[in-house]
């Protein structure tokens, strides 16, 4: 299980490569697919229910306890 830390994806123009655009989500397993803003790659993450509620399709979301993807 990945535990996201919800922080700003950019600070003073610096872009974190652990952030991206939420492109889909599924309620049955609290998963989201995020498109990395640095690489353009898509990755599936499984979130805790409270975190999943904050990861709305079309919004920016950051995952910090994983390698850049």
N, C-alpha and C. Protein backbone atom coordinates (compact mmCIF):
# COMPACT_ATOMS: atom_id res chain seq x y z
N UNK A 1 0.85 -1.17 0.00
CA UNK A 1 0.00 0.00 0.00
C UNK A 1 0.89 1.23 0.00
N UNK A 2 0.57 2.18 -0.84
CA UNK A 2 1.31 3.43 -0.93
C UNK A 2 0.59 4.47 -0.09
N UNK A 3 1.33 5.17 0.74
CA UNK A 3 0.76 6.22 1.57
C UNK A 3 1.21 7.55 0.99
N UNK A 4 0.31 8.30 0.38
CA UNK A 4 0.71 9.56 -0.23
C UNK A 4 0.82 10.66 0.82
N UNK A 5 1.69 11.58 0.54
CA UNK A 5 1.76 12.81 1.30
C UNK A 5 1.27 13.90 0.38
N UNK A 6 0.25 14.60 0.79
CA UNK A 6 -0.36 15.59 -0.08
C UNK A 6 0.30 16.93 0.18
N UNK A 7 1.18 17.30 -0.71
CA UNK A 7 1.88 18.57 -0.63
C UNK A 7 1.83 19.22 -2.00
N UNK A 8 2.24 20.44 -2.07
CA UNK A 8 2.29 21.11 -3.35
C UNK A 8 3.24 20.37 -4.28
N UNK A 9 2.89 20.29 -5.55
CA UNK A 9 3.74 19.59 -6.50
C UNK A 9 4.87 20.45 -7.01
N UNK A 10 4.82 21.72 -6.80
CA UNK A 10 5.92 22.58 -7.20
C UNK A 10 6.13 23.66 -6.14
N UNK A 11 7.39 23.98 -5.92
CA UNK A 11 7.75 25.01 -4.96
C UNK A 11 8.73 25.94 -5.65
N UNK A 12 8.38 27.20 -5.76
CA UNK A 12 9.25 28.20 -6.39
C UNK A 12 9.74 27.74 -7.76
N UNK A 13 8.86 27.18 -8.56
CA UNK A 13 9.21 26.78 -9.91
C UNK A 13 9.82 25.39 -10.02
N UNK A 14 10.19 24.78 -8.90
CA UNK A 14 10.74 23.42 -8.93
C UNK A 14 9.59 22.44 -9.07
N UNK A 15 9.68 21.53 -10.01
CA UNK A 15 8.64 20.53 -10.23
C UNK A 15 9.10 19.20 -9.64
N UNK A 16 8.29 18.62 -8.78
CA UNK A 16 8.60 17.32 -8.21
C UNK A 16 8.23 16.24 -9.20
N UNK A 17 9.12 15.30 -9.40
CA UNK A 17 8.84 14.20 -10.32
C UNK A 17 8.07 13.08 -9.64
N UNK A 18 7.50 13.34 -8.49
CA UNK A 18 6.61 12.40 -7.82
C UNK A 18 5.17 12.89 -7.87
N UNK A 19 4.89 13.83 -8.75
CA UNK A 19 3.56 14.42 -8.85
C UNK A 19 3.04 14.28 -10.27
N UNK A 20 1.73 14.42 -10.38
CA UNK A 20 1.15 14.38 -11.71
C UNK A 20 -0.34 14.55 -11.67
N UNK A 21 -0.94 14.38 -12.82
CA UNK A 21 -2.37 14.57 -13.03
C UNK A 21 -3.10 13.25 -12.81
N UNK A 22 -4.12 13.27 -11.97
CA UNK A 22 -4.95 12.09 -11.76
C UNK A 22 -5.81 11.92 -13.02
N UNK A 23 -5.65 10.79 -13.71
CA UNK A 23 -6.40 10.59 -14.96
C UNK A 23 -7.55 9.60 -14.81
N UNK A 24 -7.53 8.80 -13.73
CA UNK A 24 -8.67 7.91 -13.46
C UNK A 24 -8.62 7.47 -12.01
N UNK A 25 -9.79 7.03 -11.51
CA UNK A 25 -9.84 6.47 -10.16
C UNK A 25 -10.93 5.41 -10.09
N UNK A 26 -10.76 4.50 -9.13
CA UNK A 26 -11.74 3.43 -8.93
C UNK A 26 -12.08 3.35 -7.45
N UNK A 27 -13.36 3.43 -7.14
CA UNK A 27 -13.79 3.38 -5.74
C UNK A 27 -13.67 1.98 -5.15
N UNK A 28 -13.83 0.93 -5.94
CA UNK A 28 -13.88 -0.42 -5.37
C UNK A 28 -12.57 -0.83 -4.71
N UNK A 29 -11.43 -0.28 -5.16
CA UNK A 29 -10.15 -0.61 -4.52
C UNK A 29 -9.35 0.63 -4.15
N UNK A 30 -9.99 1.79 -4.20
CA UNK A 30 -9.35 3.07 -3.84
C UNK A 30 -8.05 3.29 -4.59
N UNK A 31 -8.09 3.04 -5.88
CA UNK A 31 -6.90 3.22 -6.70
C UNK A 31 -7.06 4.44 -7.60
N UNK A 32 -5.91 4.97 -8.01
CA UNK A 32 -5.87 6.07 -8.96
C UNK A 32 -4.76 5.80 -9.97
N UNK A 33 -4.92 6.32 -11.16
CA UNK A 33 -3.85 6.33 -12.14
C UNK A 33 -3.41 7.77 -12.27
N UNK A 34 -2.11 7.98 -12.10
CA UNK A 34 -1.54 9.33 -12.15
C UNK A 34 -0.55 9.40 -13.30
N UNK A 35 -0.64 10.46 -14.11
CA UNK A 35 0.30 10.71 -15.20
C UNK A 35 1.39 11.63 -14.68
N UNK A 36 2.61 11.12 -14.62
CA UNK A 36 3.75 11.86 -14.08
C UNK A 36 4.01 13.11 -14.91
N UNK A 37 4.17 14.26 -14.23
CA UNK A 37 4.36 15.51 -14.97
C UNK A 37 5.78 15.67 -15.51
N UNK A 38 6.72 14.84 -15.08
CA UNK A 38 8.08 14.91 -15.62
C UNK A 38 8.28 13.94 -16.79
N UNK A 39 7.78 12.72 -16.63
CA UNK A 39 8.05 11.68 -17.63
C UNK A 39 6.87 11.43 -18.57
N UNK A 40 5.66 11.80 -18.14
CA UNK A 40 4.48 11.50 -18.94
C UNK A 40 3.99 10.07 -18.76
N UNK A 41 4.67 9.28 -17.93
CA UNK A 41 4.28 7.89 -17.70
C UNK A 41 3.08 7.82 -16.76
N UNK A 42 2.23 6.82 -16.96
CA UNK A 42 1.08 6.59 -16.09
C UNK A 42 1.41 5.46 -15.12
N UNK A 43 0.94 5.61 -13.87
CA UNK A 43 1.16 4.56 -12.88
C UNK A 43 -0.07 4.44 -11.99
N UNK A 44 -0.39 3.20 -11.64
CA UNK A 44 -1.51 2.88 -10.76
C UNK A 44 -1.02 2.88 -9.31
N UNK A 45 -1.76 3.57 -8.43
CA UNK A 45 -1.47 3.59 -7.01
C UNK A 45 -2.71 3.20 -6.24
N UNK A 46 -2.52 2.47 -5.15
CA UNK A 46 -3.61 2.12 -4.24
C UNK A 46 -3.49 3.01 -3.02
N UNK A 47 -4.56 3.71 -2.67
CA UNK A 47 -4.54 4.69 -1.60
C UNK A 47 -5.44 4.28 -0.45
N UNK A 48 -5.24 4.91 0.69
CA UNK A 48 -6.19 4.79 1.79
C UNK A 48 -7.45 5.57 1.41
N UNK A 49 -8.61 5.17 1.88
CA UNK A 49 -9.86 5.84 1.49
C UNK A 49 -9.84 7.35 1.68
N UNK A 50 -9.33 7.84 2.79
CA UNK A 50 -9.30 9.30 3.00
C UNK A 50 -8.41 10.01 1.99
N UNK A 51 -7.29 9.39 1.62
CA UNK A 51 -6.42 9.98 0.60
C UNK A 51 -7.06 9.91 -0.78
N UNK A 52 -7.74 8.79 -1.04
CA UNK A 52 -8.38 8.60 -2.34
C UNK A 52 -9.41 9.70 -2.60
N UNK A 53 -10.13 10.12 -1.55
CA UNK A 53 -11.13 11.18 -1.71
C UNK A 53 -10.51 12.49 -2.17
N UNK A 54 -9.26 12.73 -1.85
CA UNK A 54 -8.58 13.97 -2.25
C UNK A 54 -7.98 13.88 -3.64
N UNK A 55 -7.93 12.72 -4.22
CA UNK A 55 -7.30 12.52 -5.53
C UNK A 55 -8.38 12.51 -6.62
N UNK A 56 -8.92 13.65 -6.90
CA UNK A 56 -10.00 13.78 -7.89
C UNK A 56 -9.43 13.76 -9.31
N UNK A 57 -10.14 13.14 -10.22
CA UNK A 57 -9.73 13.12 -11.63
C UNK A 57 -9.60 14.56 -12.10
N UNK A 58 -8.48 14.85 -12.75
CA UNK A 58 -8.20 16.19 -13.26
C UNK A 58 -7.40 17.06 -12.31
N UNK A 59 -7.13 16.55 -11.10
CA UNK A 59 -6.36 17.33 -10.13
C UNK A 59 -4.92 16.83 -10.06
N UNK A 60 -4.04 17.67 -9.53
CA UNK A 60 -2.65 17.29 -9.28
C UNK A 60 -2.60 16.50 -7.98
N UNK A 61 -1.73 15.49 -7.93
CA UNK A 61 -1.57 14.69 -6.74
C UNK A 61 -0.13 14.22 -6.68
N UNK A 62 0.44 14.18 -5.47
CA UNK A 62 1.83 13.78 -5.29
C UNK A 62 1.91 12.52 -4.43
N UNK A 63 2.84 11.65 -4.79
CA UNK A 63 3.12 10.43 -4.05
C UNK A 63 4.61 10.48 -3.71
N UNK A 64 4.95 10.52 -2.41
CA UNK A 64 6.34 10.71 -2.05
C UNK A 64 7.05 9.50 -1.50
N UNK A 65 6.37 8.42 -1.20
CA UNK A 65 7.07 7.26 -0.66
C UNK A 65 7.25 6.18 -1.71
N UNK A 66 7.57 6.61 -2.92
CA UNK A 66 7.85 5.70 -4.03
C UNK A 66 8.95 6.32 -4.88
N UNK A 67 9.58 5.50 -5.71
CA UNK A 67 10.57 6.03 -6.64
C UNK A 67 9.87 6.83 -7.72
N UNK A 68 10.60 7.75 -8.34
CA UNK A 68 10.03 8.47 -9.48
C UNK A 68 9.63 7.44 -10.54
N UNK A 69 8.57 7.74 -11.22
CA UNK A 69 8.12 6.80 -12.26
C UNK A 69 8.06 7.48 -13.60
